[in-house]
Amino acid sequence: MSGAGMGGVAAGACIVGWSHSPFGRLEDAPDAETLIGRVARAAIEDAGIDPQEVDAIYVGHFNGGFQKQDFPASLVLQSLPELRFRPATRVENACATGSAAIHGAMDFLAAGRGRFTLVIGVEKMTAIPGAQVGDVLLGCAYRREEGEIPAGFAGVFARIAESYFQRHGDQSDALAAIAAKNHRNGVDNPYAQIRKDLGYEFCRTESERNPIVAGPLKRTDCSLVSDGAAALVLTDAETAATMGKAIRFRAAAHVTDFMPISARDITRFEGAREAWRRAYDGAGISVSDLSFAEVHDCFTIAELIDYEAMGLVPEGQGARAVLDGMVQKGGRLPVNPSGGLKSKGHPIGATGVSMHVLSAMQLAGEAGAMQVPGATLGGVFNMGGAAVANYVSILERLR
């Protein structure tokens, strides 16, 4: 593909280095600056380049009130003083902030402004009370209409689940199966916040340890409040061909939809559908060509609907993908072999970068116990808000 067209970036950019911190309640990391320091130099070293070769820095950081210290792009210099005087930019696009930072870095390369870019995704969420976290996250919804929905952002997705259930029937079995799958996969992810196989029955049953959070969504249906960071080094395909490893963006698409859920059919994730369509068209593939996918399971209902948005199953049949084993580790298309946001955690600004790091590891054959055998083509879907900002990447191994 010579270009991704509307909503895309030029193809050919490659991931040549990466790093990833553990995700979770990281008491030994008091702020985003500390987390940046854990991944920035490590990604450059993994790429096998000198820090002086980095031409630009892009930092994905949502914040929105999680911490008082903002302006994170400049904080990279605290751990990498060699990058003084390089252009450094903070990017934010709700829960898709990390992918937005990657797109900024790819645009920099496509414009011929430099040869190497460093992308960092970071968030410190756990330093404030839970109620305050919920209010910050509600900023990713349309407050004018959705600000008074009980349970905040979980309540928004509970409303989506209720609408889906009304149209297609009770999907509680499928949601529990998604949660159980992702927790089982997360056991093999050394970076995951929860590395415990909770089992289907626990995820399916309301209990004191697994209470209802909002509507039909239990605690096991909701992703975790997390701290963490991940980083990538990107370069052009010509340079990448001379390096130790290279994972190429065969296509990358970005689609934005209306923010109010009242303005669209929220059970269809139409923006996600369009992003997947553009990415498939740009890469010259279909869903059947993918070896695995990392998708945005902020809530289990989101993963269920995305099975349909990505074309894996027809509309209204998302449950079949998980209940028939299609998306399990050994199934036709493993989805979230990393454990997804559900098990791994969801530090907002870090999530999109993390999804790309873990997908690159799969394609490089470096995913350890998470490895999908013979993985050659990966799909990544990262979204901001309730399918408002939609990013899809198609990745393949160049070398």
Protein backbone atom coordinates (compact mmCIF):
# COMPACT_ATOMS: atom_id res chain seq x y z
CA MET A 1 0.00 0.00 0.00
CA SER A 2 1.42 3.36 -0.95
CA GLY A 3 -0.84 5.19 1.46
CA ALA A 4 -3.71 4.45 3.81
CA GLY A 5 -6.09 7.02 2.35
CA MET A 6 -8.58 8.97 4.44
CA GLY A 7 -8.08 8.34 8.13
CA GLY A 8 -4.83 6.45 7.61
CA VAL A 9 -1.12 7.03 7.58
CA ALA A 10 1.43 6.12 4.96
CA ALA A 11 2.42 2.46 5.13
CA GLY A 12 5.96 1.31 5.57
CA ALA A 13 6.85 2.51 9.06
CA CYS A 14 8.39 -0.25 11.14
CA ILE A 15 8.74 -1.08 14.82
CA VAL A 16 12.40 -1.92 15.50
CA GLY A 17 12.57 -1.80 19.29
CA TRP A 18 10.28 -1.95 22.29
CA SER A 19 9.97 -2.13 26.06
CA HIS A 20 7.13 -2.65 28.52
CA SER A 21 6.81 -2.12 32.26
CA PRO A 22 4.64 -4.28 34.49
CA PHE A 23 1.08 -2.97 34.74
CA GLY A 24 -0.76 -2.67 38.05
CA ARG A 25 -0.83 -0.68 41.26
CA LEU A 26 2.85 0.22 41.18
CA GLU A 27 3.67 1.59 44.62
CA ASP A 28 7.35 2.00 43.67
CA ALA A 29 6.42 4.34 40.80
CA PRO A 30 5.00 7.52 42.35
CA ASP A 31 4.50 9.38 39.08
CA ALA A 32 4.49 9.24 35.29
CA GLU A 33 8.05 10.55 35.17
CA THR A 34 9.29 7.43 36.97
CA LEU A 35 7.36 5.16 34.60
CA ILE A 36 8.74 6.98 31.55
CA GLY A 37 12.22 6.35 32.86
CA ARG A 38 11.57 2.61 33.03
CA VAL A 39 10.79 2.23 29.34
CA ALA A 40 12.41 5.07 27.37
CA ARG A 41 16.05 4.02 27.34
CA ALA A 42 15.14 0.32 27.34
CA ALA A 43 13.30 0.64 24.01
CA ILE A 44 16.23 2.48 22.41
CA GLU A 45 18.64 -0.17 23.64
CA ASP A 46 16.34 -2.91 22.34
CA ALA A 47 16.46 -1.26 18.91
CA GLY A 48 20.26 -1.32 19.03
CA ILE A 49 20.66 2.39 18.30
CA ASP A 50 22.28 5.28 20.15
CA PRO A 51 19.95 7.77 21.86
CA GLN A 52 21.51 10.49 19.72
CA GLU A 53 19.95 8.83 16.66
CA VAL A 54 16.39 9.53 17.89
CA ASP A 55 14.97 12.42 15.89
CA ALA A 56 11.64 12.98 17.67
CA ILE A 57 9.67 11.89 20.71
CA TYR A 58 5.91 11.30 20.96
CA VAL A 59 4.36 10.73 24.38
CA GLY A 60 0.85 9.36 24.80
CA HIS A 61 -0.51 10.55 28.16
CA PHE A 62 -4.17 11.05 29.00
CA ASN A 63 -3.90 12.30 32.62
CA GLY A 64 -7.06 14.44 32.80
CA GLY A 65 -6.55 14.83 36.55
CA PHE A 66 -4.88 11.59 37.63
CA GLN A 67 -1.77 13.62 38.51
CA LYS A 68 -1.00 17.31 38.98
CA GLN A 69 2.23 17.12 37.02
CA ASP A 70 1.42 17.45 33.35
CA PHE A 71 3.54 18.35 30.27
CA PRO A 72 4.97 14.80 30.04
CA ALA A 73 6.79 15.19 26.71
CA SER A 74 9.48 17.28 28.37
CA LEU A 75 9.84 14.75 31.21
CA VAL A 76 11.46 12.24 28.86
CA LEU A 77 14.66 14.31 29.07
CA GLN A 78 14.89 13.55 32.79
CA SER A 79 15.81 9.96 31.98
CA LEU A 80 17.31 10.60 28.53
CA PRO A 81 19.27 13.87 28.70
CA GLU A 82 20.89 12.92 25.38
CA LEU A 83 17.59 13.87 23.73
CA ARG A 84 17.80 17.50 24.78
CA PHE A 85 16.70 19.86 21.97
CA ARG A 86 14.83 17.09 20.08
CA PRO A 87 11.18 17.86 19.27
CA ALA A 88 8.98 16.18 21.87
CA THR A 89 5.18 16.19 21.66
CA ARG A 90 2.42 15.03 24.00
CA VAL A 91 -0.56 13.37 22.25
CA GLU A 92 -3.97 12.68 23.81
CA ASN A 93 -7.06 10.95 22.40
CA ALA A 94 -8.89 9.40 25.36
CA CYS A 95 -8.32 5.65 25.74
CA ALA A 96 -6.73 5.55 22.25
CA THR A 97 -4.01 8.00 23.31
CA GLY A 98 -1.19 5.49 22.79
CA SER A 99 -2.22 4.73 19.22
CA ALA A 100 -2.60 8.44 18.50
CA ALA A 101 1.01 8.93 19.60
CA ILE A 102 2.11 6.14 17.26
CA HIS A 103 0.27 7.79 14.37
CA GLY A 104 1.99 11.08 15.14
CA ALA A 105 5.37 9.36 15.01
CA MET A 106 4.52 7.63 11.73
CA ASP A 107 3.43 10.92 10.20
CA PHE A 108 6.78 12.43 11.23
CA LEU A 109 8.60 9.63 9.42
CA ALA A 110 6.35 9.79 6.36
CA ALA A 111 7.06 13.51 6.06
CA GLY A 112 10.77 12.73 5.86
CA ARG A 113 11.56 14.84 8.92
CA GLY A 114 13.76 12.19 10.53
CA ARG A 115 14.79 8.54 10.64
CA PHE A 116 13.97 7.31 14.16
CA THR A 117 11.12 8.22 16.50
CA LEU A 118 10.59 7.20 20.11
CA VAL A 119 6.98 6.62 21.19
CA ILE A 120 6.07 6.32 24.86
CA GLY A 121 2.66 5.57 26.35
CA VAL A 122 2.29 6.20 30.08
CA GLU A 123 -0.27 6.63 32.83
CA LYS A 124 -0.26 6.77 36.63
CA MET A 125 -3.87 6.22 37.71
CA THR A 126 -3.77 4.79 41.23
CA ALA A 127 -2.56 7.78 43.23
CA ILE A 128 -6.07 9.24 43.59
CA PRO A 129 -9.25 7.75 45.15
CA GLY A 130 -11.42 5.44 43.09
CA ALA A 131 -14.34 7.86 42.89
CA GLN A 132 -12.04 10.52 41.49
CA VAL A 133 -10.67 8.03 38.94
CA GLY A 134 -14.23 7.36 37.83
CA ASP A 135 -14.94 11.04 37.35
CA VAL A 136 -11.73 11.53 35.33
CA LEU A 137 -12.65 8.62 33.07
CA LEU A 138 -16.13 10.01 32.55
CA GLY A 139 -14.41 12.80 30.65
CA CYS A 140 -14.11 10.25 27.82
CA ALA A 141 -17.90 10.21 27.56
CA TYR A 142 -20.25 13.00 26.46
CA ARG A 143 -20.90 14.63 29.81
CA ARG A 144 -23.77 16.78 28.53
CA GLU A 145 -25.89 13.65 28.06
CA GLU A 146 -23.97 10.88 29.83
CA GLY A 147 -22.47 12.66 32.83
CA GLU A 148 -25.24 11.57 35.20
CA ILE A 149 -25.32 7.90 34.21
CA PRO A 150 -24.82 5.88 37.42
CA ALA A 151 -21.41 4.17 37.80
CA GLY A 152 -19.66 6.56 35.43
CA PHE A 153 -17.92 5.09 32.40
CA ALA A 154 -18.87 1.56 33.46
CA GLY A 155 -22.46 2.79 33.40
CA VAL A 156 -22.01 3.98 29.81
CA PHE A 157 -20.90 0.51 28.72
CA ALA A 158 -23.62 -1.08 30.84
CA ARG A 159 -26.12 0.93 28.80
CA ILE A 160 -24.45 -0.38 25.62
CA ALA A 161 -24.70 -3.94 26.96
CA GLU A 162 -28.37 -3.48 27.85
CA SER A 163 -29.13 -2.18 24.36
CA TYR A 164 -27.28 -5.11 22.79
CA PHE A 165 -29.11 -7.59 25.04
CA GLN A 166 -32.47 -6.09 24.11
CA ARG A 167 -31.70 -6.53 20.43
CA HIS A 168 -29.87 -9.87 20.42
CA GLY A 169 -30.80 -11.56 23.69
CA ASP A 170 -29.02 -12.03 27.02
CA GLN A 171 -25.31 -12.42 26.37
CA SER A 172 -24.16 -12.97 29.97
CA ASP A 173 -22.71 -16.39 29.13
CA ALA A 174 -20.60 -14.88 26.34
CA LEU A 175 -19.37 -12.00 28.49
CA ALA A 176 -18.29 -14.42 31.20
CA ALA A 177 -16.53 -16.56 28.59
CA ILE A 178 -14.63 -13.51 27.33
CA ALA A 179 -13.57 -12.57 30.85
CA ALA A 180 -12.49 -16.14 31.62
CA LYS A 181 -10.55 -16.41 28.35
CA ASN A 182 -8.66 -13.21 28.92
CA HIS A 183 -7.81 -14.02 32.53
CA ARG A 184 -6.60 -17.45 31.42
CA ASN A 185 -4.41 -15.85 28.74
CA GLY A 186 -3.13 -13.27 31.21
CA VAL A 187 -1.50 -15.97 33.31
CA ASP A 188 1.19 -16.17 30.61
CA ASN A 189 1.77 -12.42 30.37
CA PRO A 190 4.65 -11.32 32.63
CA TYR A 191 3.45 -7.69 32.46
CA ALA A 192 -0.19 -8.38 33.42
CA GLN A 193 -1.79 -6.88 36.50
CA ILE A 194 -3.77 -10.03 37.27
CA ARG A 195 -2.09 -13.33 36.42
CA LYS A 196 -4.78 -15.66 37.67
CA ASP A 197 -7.13 -18.00 35.85
CA LEU A 198 -10.44 -17.04 37.46
CA GLY A 199 -12.47 -19.65 35.60
CA TYR A 200 -15.78 -19.35 33.79
CA GLU A 201 -18.03 -20.06 36.80
CA PHE A 202 -16.47 -17.30 38.88
CA CYS A 203 -16.83 -14.81 36.01
CA ARG A 204 -20.41 -15.88 35.32
CA THR A 205 -21.67 -15.78 38.90
CA GLU A 206 -22.53 -12.66 40.86
CA SER A 207 -20.88 -12.88 44.27
CA GLU A 208 -19.38 -10.79 47.04
CA ARG A 209 -16.03 -11.03 45.23
CA ASN A 210 -17.61 -10.44 41.82
CA PRO A 211 -20.43 -7.95 42.39
CA ILE A 212 -22.53 -6.16 39.81
CA VAL A 213 -20.88 -2.85 38.88
CA ALA A 214 -23.55 -1.50 36.54
CA GLY A 215 -26.44 -3.09 34.61
CA PRO A 216 -25.41 -6.58 33.52
CA LEU A 217 -21.68 -5.88 34.02
CA LYS A 218 -19.91 -7.51 36.95
CA ARG A 219 -16.46 -6.68 38.25
CA THR A 220 -14.97 -9.35 35.97
CA ASP A 221 -16.49 -7.54 32.99
CA CYS A 222 -14.52 -4.35 33.70
CA SER A 223 -10.87 -3.56 32.97
CA LEU A 224 -8.55 -2.51 35.75
CA VAL A 225 -7.33 0.82 37.07
CA SER A 226 -3.60 0.63 36.43
CA ASP A 227 -0.21 2.27 36.34
CA GLY A 228 2.25 1.45 33.58
CA ALA A 229 4.24 2.42 30.52
CA ALA A 230 5.34 0.98 27.19
CA ALA A 231 7.62 2.30 24.46
CA LEU A 232 8.43 1.73 20.79
CA VAL A 233 11.15 2.84 18.40
CA LEU A 234 9.89 3.41 14.85
CA THR A 235 11.79 3.93 11.62
CA ASP A 236 11.23 3.74 7.86
CA ALA A 237 11.17 0.42 6.03
CA GLU A 238 14.46 1.02 4.23
CA THR A 239 16.32 1.61 7.48
CA ALA A 240 14.47 -1.23 9.22
CA ALA A 241 15.63 -3.69 6.57
CA THR A 242 19.19 -3.26 7.85
CA MET A 243 18.33 -3.80 11.52
CA GLY A 244 18.09 -6.81 13.79
CA LYS A 245 14.30 -7.03 13.78
CA ALA A 246 11.51 -5.13 12.09
CA ILE A 247 7.71 -5.31 12.37
CA ARG A 248 6.05 -3.37 9.55
CA PHE A 249 2.76 -1.47 9.57
CA ARG A 250 1.12 -2.98 6.53
CA ALA A 251 -1.81 -0.64 7.15
CA ALA A 252 -2.99 1.80 9.80
CA ALA A 253 -6.39 3.47 9.97
CA HIS A 254 -7.97 6.08 12.24
CA VAL A 255 -11.70 6.81 12.24
CA THR A 256 -13.63 9.18 14.51
CA ASP A 257 -17.35 8.83 15.20
CA PHE A 258 -19.90 10.98 17.02
CA MET A 259 -19.23 11.24 20.76
CA PRO A 260 -22.82 11.07 22.14
CA ILE A 261 -24.08 7.50 22.18
CA SER A 262 -27.51 8.94 21.35
CA ALA A 263 -26.19 10.03 17.94
CA ARG A 264 -25.50 6.52 16.62
CA ASP A 265 -26.40 2.85 16.85
CA ILE A 266 -24.08 2.11 19.73
CA THR A 267 -24.57 -1.66 19.49
CA ARG A 268 -22.75 -1.73 16.14
CA PHE A 269 -19.48 0.16 16.79
CA GLU A 270 -19.77 1.72 13.34
CA GLY A 271 -16.51 3.68 13.68
CA ALA A 272 -14.66 0.49 14.54
CA ARG A 273 -16.22 -1.27 11.55
CA GLU A 274 -15.05 1.49 9.25
CA ALA A 275 -11.54 1.48 10.74
CA TRP A 276 -11.23 -2.28 10.24
CA ARG A 277 -12.58 -1.97 6.67
CA ARG A 278 -10.05 0.70 5.76
CA ALA A 279 -7.21 -1.25 7.33
CA TYR A 280 -8.16 -4.47 5.51
CA ASP A 281 -8.46 -2.59 2.22
CA GLY A 282 -5.14 -0.84 2.78
CA ALA A 283 -3.37 -4.10 3.60
CA GLY A 284 -5.10 -6.06 0.85
CA ILE A 285 -6.35 -8.71 3.29
CA SER A 286 -9.47 -9.89 5.09
CA VAL A 287 -10.05 -10.99 8.67
CA SER A 288 -9.37 -14.59 7.67
CA ASP A 289 -5.74 -13.70 6.94
CA LEU A 290 -4.99 -12.57 10.51
CA SER A 291 -3.01 -14.85 12.82
CA PHE A 292 -4.22 -13.09 16.00
CA ALA A 293 -5.73 -9.81 17.18
CA GLU A 294 -5.28 -7.57 20.19
CA VAL A 295 -8.53 -5.67 20.71
CA HIS A 296 -9.78 -3.08 23.17
CA ASP A 297 -11.68 -4.97 25.87
CA CYS A 298 -12.14 -2.12 28.35
CA PHE A 299 -15.37 -3.99 29.12
CA THR A 300 -16.25 -7.48 27.93
CA ILE A 301 -19.19 -6.13 25.91
CA ALA A 302 -16.67 -4.10 23.88
CA GLU A 303 -14.77 -7.23 22.85
CA LEU A 304 -18.02 -9.00 22.01
CA ILE A 305 -19.16 -6.21 19.69
CA ASP A 306 -15.73 -5.95 18.12
CA TYR A 307 -15.91 -9.57 16.95
CA GLU A 308 -18.69 -8.31 14.71
CA ALA A 309 -17.04 -5.00 13.82
CA MET A 310 -13.91 -6.77 12.60
CA GLY A 311 -15.99 -9.13 10.47
CA LEU A 312 -15.22 -12.32 12.36
CA VAL A 313 -18.93 -13.14 12.75
CA PRO A 314 -22.15 -11.55 11.43
CA GLU A 315 -23.94 -8.84 13.38
CA GLY A 316 -25.65 -10.15 16.49
CA GLN A 317 -23.56 -13.34 16.58
CA GLY A 318 -20.59 -12.15 18.61
CA ALA A 319 -21.32 -14.76 21.28
CA ARG A 320 -20.63 -17.53 18.78
CA ALA A 321 -17.02 -16.39 18.37
CA VAL A 322 -16.20 -17.02 22.02
CA LEU A 323 -18.61 -19.83 22.91
CA ASP A 324 -17.56 -21.91 19.88
CA GLY A 325 -13.86 -21.44 20.75
CA MET A 326 -13.06 -19.38 17.65
CA VAL A 327 -11.16 -16.69 19.61
CA GLN A 328 -9.47 -18.96 22.12
CA LYS A 329 -5.68 -19.37 22.11
CA GLY A 330 -5.86 -22.41 19.82
CA GLY A 331 -8.88 -21.23 17.84
CA ARG A 332 -9.32 -19.89 14.33
CA LEU A 333 -8.35 -16.34 15.42
CA PRO A 334 -6.88 -15.95 18.92
CA VAL A 335 -8.09 -12.62 20.33
CA ASN A 336 -6.16 -11.00 23.16
CA PRO A 337 -3.54 -13.71 23.69
CA SER A 338 -1.94 -11.17 26.05
CA GLY A 339 -4.97 -11.29 28.34
CA GLY A 340 -6.20 -7.96 27.00
CA LEU A 341 -7.03 -4.94 29.11
CA LYS A 342 -9.20 -7.20 31.25
CA SER A 343 -6.21 -9.09 32.67
CA LYS A 344 -3.26 -6.91 31.71
CA GLY A 345 -4.68 -3.63 33.01
CA HIS A 346 -5.59 -0.37 31.30
CA PRO A 347 -3.26 2.55 32.10
CA ILE A 348 -5.00 4.87 29.64
CA GLY A 349 -2.08 6.51 27.81
CA ALA A 350 -0.03 3.31 27.76
CA THR A 351 -2.67 0.94 26.41
CA GLY A 352 -2.33 1.55 22.65
CA VAL A 353 1.46 1.39 22.79
CA SER A 354 1.28 -1.77 24.89
CA MET A 355 -1.00 -3.47 22.36
CA HIS A 356 1.51 -2.74 19.60
CA VAL A 357 4.46 -3.91 21.71
CA LEU A 358 2.79 -7.22 22.53
CA SER A 359 1.74 -7.71 18.90
CA ALA A 360 5.29 -6.99 17.72
CA MET A 361 6.55 -9.57 20.21
CA GLN A 362 4.15 -12.13 18.73
CA LEU A 363 5.32 -11.46 15.18
CA ALA A 364 8.99 -11.52 16.20
CA GLY A 365 8.50 -14.87 17.95
CA GLU A 366 9.45 -13.25 21.28
CA ALA A 367 6.14 -13.59 23.14
CA GLY A 368 7.23 -16.47 25.36
CA ALA A 369 4.32 -18.39 26.88
CA MET A 370 1.90 -15.96 25.17
CA GLN A 371 3.17 -16.97 21.73
CA VAL A 372 0.66 -17.85 19.03
CA PRO A 373 2.48 -20.49 16.95
CA GLY A 374 3.34 -19.39 13.43
CA ALA A 375 1.97 -15.85 13.83
CA THR A 376 2.60 -13.87 10.62
CA LEU A 377 -0.07 -11.13 10.57
CA GLY A 378 -1.58 -9.32 13.53
CA GLY A 379 -4.48 -6.92 13.94
CA VAL A 380 -4.64 -4.26 16.66
CA PHE A 381 -7.79 -2.34 17.60
CA ASN A 382 -7.54 0.46 20.16
CA MET A 383 -10.46 2.78 20.82
CA GLY A 384 -11.07 5.99 22.73
CA GLY A 385 -14.40 6.55 24.44
CA ALA A 386 -17.31 4.33 23.43
CA ALA A 387 -15.97 3.56 19.93
CA VAL A 388 -15.43 7.27 19.23
CA ALA A 389 -11.71 7.28 18.34
CA ASN A 390 -10.99 4.05 16.48
CA TYR A 391 -7.49 2.92 15.47
CA VAL A 392 -6.68 -0.29 13.61
CA SER A 393 -3.19 -1.47 12.68
CA ILE A 394 -2.25 -4.45 10.54
CA LEU A 395 1.26 -5.62 11.44
CA GLU A 396 3.60 -8.10 9.79
CA ARG A 397 7.19 -9.19 10.25
CA LEU A 398 9.59 -7.54 7.81
CA ARG A 399 12.67 -9.29 9.24
